[in-house]
PDB file of N, CA and C in Angstrom:
ATOM      1  N   MET A   1      36.228-117.723  23.870  1.00  0.00           N
ATOM      2  CA  MET A   1      36.544-117.289  22.737  1.00  0.00           C
ATOM      3  C   MET A   1      37.824-116.205  23.239  1.00  0.00           C
ATOM      4  N   PRO A   2      38.942-116.386  22.066  1.00  0.00           N
ATOM      5  CA  PRO A   2      40.392-116.232  22.309  1.00  0.00           C
ATOM      6  C   PRO A   2      39.555-114.444  22.838  1.00  0.00           C
ATOM      7  N   PRO A   3      41.458-114.581  23.610  1.00  0.00           N
ATOM      8  CA  PRO A   3      40.799-112.814  23.966  1.00  0.00           C
ATOM      9  C   PRO A   3      41.500-111.787  23.068  1.00  0.00           C
ATOM     10  N   ASP A   4      42.614-112.265  21.602  1.00  0.00           N
ATOM     11  CA  ASP A   4      42.627-111.280  21.343  1.00  0.00           C
ATOM     12  C   ASP A   4      41.508-109.938  19.680  1.00  0.00           C
ATOM     13  N   LEU A   5      40.207-111.217  20.293  1.00  0.00           N
ATOM     14  CA  LEU A   5      39.719-111.187  19.083  1.00  0.00           C
ATOM     15  C   LEU A   5      38.454-109.902  19.572  1.00  0.00           C
ATOM     16  N   LEU A   6      37.972-109.998  21.457  1.00  0.00           N
ATOM     17  CA  LEU A   6      37.125-108.847  21.201  1.00  0.00           C
ATOM     18  C   LEU A   6      38.620-107.723  22.297  1.00  0.00           C
ATOM     19  N   ARG A   7      38.968-106.899  21.360  1.00  0.00           N
ATOM     20  CA  ARG A   7      39.641-106.146  21.562  1.00  0.00           C
ATOM     21  C   ARG A   7      39.330-104.046  21.245  1.00  0.00           C
ATOM     22  N   LEU A   8      39.627-104.222  21.760  1.00  0.00           N
ATOM     23  CA  LEU A   8      38.725-102.392  22.230  1.00  0.00           C
ATOM     24  C   LEU A   8      39.912-101.414  20.343  1.00  0.00           C
ATOM     25  N   ASP A   9      40.581-102.374  20.385  1.00  0.00           N
ATOM     26  CA  ASP A   9      41.540-101.692  18.613  1.00  0.00           C
ATOM     27  C   ASP A   9      40.430-101.697  17.804  1.00  0.00           C
ATOM     28  N   ILE A  10      39.820-103.017  18.295  1.00  0.00           N
ATOM     29  CA  ILE A  10      39.003-103.227  16.817  1.00  0.00           C
ATOM     30  C   ILE A  10      37.201-103.099  16.820  1.00  0.00           C
ATOM     31  N   LEU A  11      36.551-102.921  18.122  1.00  0.00           N
ATOM     32  CA  LEU A  11      35.617-103.241  18.346  1.00  0.00           C
ATOM     33  C   LEU A  11      35.029-101.222  17.960  1.00  0.00           C
ATOM     34  N   VAL A  12      36.051-101.169  18.698  1.00  0.00           N
ATOM     35  CA  VAL A  12      35.672 -99.115  18.457  1.00  0.00           C
ATOM     36  C   VAL A  12      35.231 -98.951  17.533  1.00  0.00           C
ATOM     37  N   PRO A  13      36.461 -99.008  16.400  1.00  0.00           N
ATOM     38  CA  PRO A  13      36.565 -98.943  14.747  1.00  0.00           C
ATOM     39  C   PRO A  13      34.683 -99.365  14.825  1.00  0.00           C
ATOM     40  N   VAL A  14      34.747-100.501  14.601  1.00  0.00           N
ATOM     41  CA  VAL A  14      32.919-100.967  14.286  1.00  0.00           C
ATOM     42  C   VAL A  14      32.717-100.209  14.665  1.00  0.00           C
ATOM     43  N   LEU A  15      32.371-100.024  15.749  1.00  0.00           N
ATOM     44  CA  LEU A  15      30.554 -99.729  16.023  1.00  0.00           C
ATOM     45  C   LEU A  15      30.775 -97.984  15.840  1.00  0.00           C
ATOM     46  N   VAL A  16      32.558 -97.821  15.603  1.00  0.00           N
ATOM     47  CA  VAL A  16      32.150 -96.098  15.035  1.00  0.00           C
ATOM     48  C   VAL A  16      31.808 -96.225  13.911  1.00  0.00           C
ATOM     49  N   CYS A  17      31.516 -96.716  13.767  1.00  0.00           N
ATOM     50  CA  CYS A  17      30.885 -97.363  11.687  1.00  0.00           C
ATOM     51  C   CYS A  17      30.162 -96.767  11.440  1.00  0.00           C
ATOM     52  N   CYS A  18      29.380 -98.634  12.298  1.00  0.00           N
ATOM     53  CA  CYS A  18      28.461 -98.743  11.726  1.00  0.00           C
ATOM     54  C   CYS A  18      27.257 -97.246  12.688  1.00  0.00           C
ATOM     55  N   ALA A  19      27.971 -97.068  13.673  1.00  0.00           N
ATOM     56  CA  ALA A  19      26.801 -94.755  13.925  1.00  0.00           C
ATOM     57  C   ALA A  19      26.972 -94.606  12.374  1.00  0.00           C
ATOM     58  N   LEU A  20      28.410 -94.015  11.967  1.00  0.00           N
ATOM     59  CA  LEU A  20      28.413 -93.518  10.964  1.00  0.00           C
ATOM     60  C   LEU A  20      27.540 -93.581   9.598  1.00  0.00           C
ATOM     61  N   LEU A  21      28.119 -95.120  10.024  1.00  0.00           N
ATOM     62  CA  LEU A  21      26.422 -96.087   8.541  1.00  0.00           C
ATOM     63  C   LEU A  21      24.695 -95.326   9.267  1.00  0.00           C
ATOM     64  N   TRP A  22      24.669 -95.341   9.954  1.00  0.00           N
ATOM     65  CA  TRP A  22      23.471 -94.707  10.277  1.00  0.00           C
ATOM     66  C   TRP A  22      22.873 -94.097   9.911  1.00  0.00           C
ATOM     67  N   TRP A  23      23.717 -92.504  10.445  1.00  0.00           N
ATOM     68  CA  TRP A  23      23.462 -91.301  10.492  1.00  0.00           C
ATOM     69  C   TRP A  23      23.608 -90.981   8.705  1.00  0.00           C
ATOM     70  N   VAL A  24      24.488 -91.555   7.849  1.00  0.00           N
ATOM     71  CA  VAL A  24      24.590 -91.376   6.465  1.00  0.00           C
ATOM     72  C   VAL A  24      23.814 -91.657   5.460  1.00  0.00           C
ATOM     73  N   GLY A  25      23.199 -93.233   6.060  1.00  0.00           N
ATOM     74  CA  GLY A  25      21.790 -93.682   5.730  1.00  0.00           C
ATOM     75  C   GLY A  25      20.745 -93.337   5.573  1.00  0.00           C
ATOM     76  N   ARG A  26      20.536 -92.952   7.063  1.00  0.00           N
ATOM     77  CA  ARG A  26      19.357 -92.140   7.551  1.00  0.00           C
ATOM     78  C   ARG A  26      18.836 -91.600   6.336  1.00  0.00           C
ATOM     79  N   GLY A  27      19.143 -91.016   4.668  1.00  0.00           N
ATOM     80  CA  GLY A  27      18.399 -90.963   3.841  1.00  0.00           C
ATOM     81  C   GLY A  27      18.211 -91.902   2.297  1.00  0.00           C
ATOM     82  N   LEU A  28      19.389 -92.023   2.934  1.00  0.00           N
ATOM     83  CA  LEU A  28      19.578 -93.828   1.207  1.00  0.00           C
ATOM     84  C   LEU A  28      18.129 -94.905   1.900  1.00  0.00           C
ATOM     85  N   SER A  29      18.139 -95.204   0.083  1.00  0.00           N
ATOM     86  CA  SER A  29      17.173 -96.594   0.414  1.00  0.00           C
ATOM     87  C   SER A  29      17.432 -97.362   0.722  1.00  0.00           C
ATOM     88  N   TRP A  30      17.181 -98.622   1.044  1.00  0.00           N
ATOM     89  CA  TRP A  30      17.124-100.040   1.251  1.00  0.00           C
ATOM     90  C   TRP A  30      18.909 -99.993   0.387  1.00  0.00           C
ATOM     91  N   PRO A  31      18.417-100.391  -0.401  1.00  0.00           N
ATOM     92  CA  PRO A  31      19.485-100.909  -1.984  1.00  0.00           C
ATOM     93  C   PRO A  31      20.760-100.250  -1.112  1.00  0.00           C
ATOM     94  N   ALA A  32      21.006 -98.792  -1.283  1.00  0.00           N
ATOM     95  CA  ALA A  32      21.772 -97.938  -1.164  1.00  0.00           C
ATOM     96  C   ALA A  32      22.561 -97.600   0.093  1.00  0.00           C
ATOM     97  N   ARG A  33      22.148 -98.336   0.847  1.00  0.00           N
ATOM     98  CA  ARG A  33      22.218 -98.904   2.536  1.00  0.00           C
ATOM     99  C   ARG A  33      22.912 -99.522   2.720  1.00  0.00           C
ATOM    100  N   LEU A  34      22.114-100.741   2.472  1.00  0.00           N
ATOM    101  CA  LEU A  34      23.335-102.693   1.845  1.00  0.00           C
ATOM    102  C   LEU A  34      23.814-102.442   1.534  1.00  0.00           C
ATOM    103  N   ALA A  35      24.773-101.800   0.274  1.00  0.00           N
ATOM    104  CA  ALA A  35      26.047-101.314  -0.904  1.00  0.00           C
ATOM    105  C   ALA A  35      27.041-100.495   0.275  1.00  0.00           C
ATOM    106  N   THR A  36      26.707-100.161   0.414  1.00  0.00           N
ATOM    107  CA  THR A  36      27.350 -98.930   1.566  1.00  0.00           C
ATOM    108  C   THR A  36      27.737 -99.340   2.685  1.00  0.00           C
ATOM    109  N   ALA A  37      27.346-100.652   3.110  1.00  0.00           N
ATOM    110  CA  ALA A  37      27.403-101.568   4.422  1.00  0.00           C
ATOM    111  C   ALA A  37      28.342-102.533   3.855  1.00  0.00           C
ATOM    112  N   ALA A  38      27.731-103.017   2.612  1.00  0.00           N
ATOM    113  CA  ALA A  38      28.503-104.168   3.060  1.00  0.00           C
ATOM    114  C   ALA A  38      30.496-103.599   2.085  1.00  0.00           C
ATOM    115  N   VAL A  39      30.275-102.475   1.599  1.00  0.00           N
ATOM    116  CA  VAL A  39      31.825-101.875   0.698  1.00  0.00           C
ATOM    117  C   VAL A  39      32.529-101.200   1.458  1.00  0.00           C
ATOM    118  N   THR A  40      31.734-100.765   3.205  1.00  0.00           N
ATOM    119  CA  THR A  40      32.046-100.227   4.391  1.00  0.00           C
ATOM    120  C   THR A  40      32.779-101.470   4.466  1.00  0.00           C
ATOM    121  N   LEU A  41      31.876-102.634   5.030  1.00  0.00           N
ATOM    122  CA  LEU A  41      32.419-104.255   5.774  1.00  0.00           C
ATOM    123  C   LEU A  41      33.676-104.493   5.303  1.00  0.00           C
ATOM    124  N   LEU A  42      34.117-104.355   3.548  1.00  0.00           N
ATOM    125  CA  LEU A  42      34.570-105.276   3.113  1.00  0.00           C
ATOM    126  C   LEU A  42      35.930-104.085   3.555  1.00  0.00           C
ATOM    127  N   LEU A  43      36.200-102.926   2.919  1.00  0.00           N
ATOM    128  CA  LEU A  43      36.674-102.115   3.429  1.00  0.00           C
ATOM    129  C   LEU A  43      38.293-103.013   4.825  1.00  0.00           C
ATOM    130  N   ILE A  44      36.408-103.110   5.908  1.00  0.00           N
ATOM    131  CA  ILE A  44      37.521-102.928   7.620  1.00  0.00           C
ATOM    132  C   ILE A  44      38.755-103.620   7.370  1.00  0.00           C
ATOM    133  N   ILE A  45      37.221-105.182   6.667  1.00  0.00           N
ATOM    134  CA  ILE A  45      37.676-106.845   6.170  1.00  0.00           C
ATOM    135  C   ILE A  45      39.155-106.561   6.268  1.00  0.00           C
ATOM    136  N   CYS A  46      39.366-105.808   4.169  1.00  0.00           N
ATOM    137  CA  CYS A  46      40.934-106.103   3.788  1.00  0.00           C
ATOM    138  C   CYS A  46      41.630-105.215   4.769  1.00  0.00           C
ATOM    139  N   VAL A  47      41.607-103.954   5.754  1.00  0.00           N
ATOM    140  CA  VAL A  47      42.997-102.995   6.404  1.00  0.00           C
ATOM    141  C   VAL A  47      42.894-104.242   7.417  1.00  0.00           C
ATOM    142  N   LEU A  48      41.801-105.363   8.241  1.00  0.00           N
ATOM    143  CA  LEU A  48      42.283-105.703   9.185  1.00  0.00           C
ATOM    144  C   LEU A  48      43.530-107.252   8.683  1.00  0.00           C
ATOM    145  N   LEU A  49      43.117-107.488   7.674  1.00  0.00           N
ATOM    146  CA  LEU A  49      43.705-108.525   6.618  1.00  0.00           C
ATOM    147  C   LEU A  49      45.649-108.062   7.162  1.00  0.00           C
ATOM    148  N   VAL A  50      45.065-106.939   6.290  1.00  0.00           N
ATOM    149  CA  VAL A  50      46.532-106.246   6.056  1.00  0.00           C
ATOM    150  C   VAL A  50      47.438-106.369   7.076  1.00  0.00           C
ATOM    151  N   GLU A  51      46.933-105.080   8.158  1.00  0.00           N
ATOM    152  CA  GLU A  51      47.671-104.745   8.913  1.00  0.00           C
ATOM    153  C   GLU A  51      47.567-106.336  10.282  1.00  0.00           C
ATOM    154  N   ARG A  52      47.432-107.620  10.328  1.00  0.00           N
ATOM    155  CA  ARG A  52      47.818-108.526  10.760  1.00  0.00           C
ATOM    156  C   ARG A  52      48.777-109.559  10.110  1.00  0.00           C
ATOM    157  N   GLY A  53      48.592-109.389   8.331  1.00  0.00           N
ATOM    158  CA  GLY A  53      49.934-109.572   7.567  1.00  0.00           C
ATOM    159  C   GLY A  53      49.371-111.428   7.193  1.00  0.00           C
ATOM    160  N   TRP A  54      47.827-111.317   7.047  1.00  0.00           N
ATOM    161  CA  TRP A  54      46.838-112.728   6.887  1.00  0.00           C
ATOM    162  C   TRP A  54      47.004-112.035   5.027  1.00  0.00           C
ATOM    163  N   LEU A  55      47.971-111.522   4.554  1.00  0.00           N
ATOM    164  CA  LEU A  55      47.405-111.032   3.468  1.00  0.00           C
ATOM    165  C   LEU A  55      48.791-110.363   2.595  1.00  0.00           C
TER     166      LEU A  55
END
């Protein structure tokens, strides 16, 4: 694995988002949880693409 793929500046926000999704999603139905997770992951990917200049 290239060293730049396992950087804490990427890994920590993803883990924090997962924890936040778990906390927020406790009262949501499964379809709503999946939709929330999909939107969040899409936003994370867009931010990373823009930040790295690939978009």
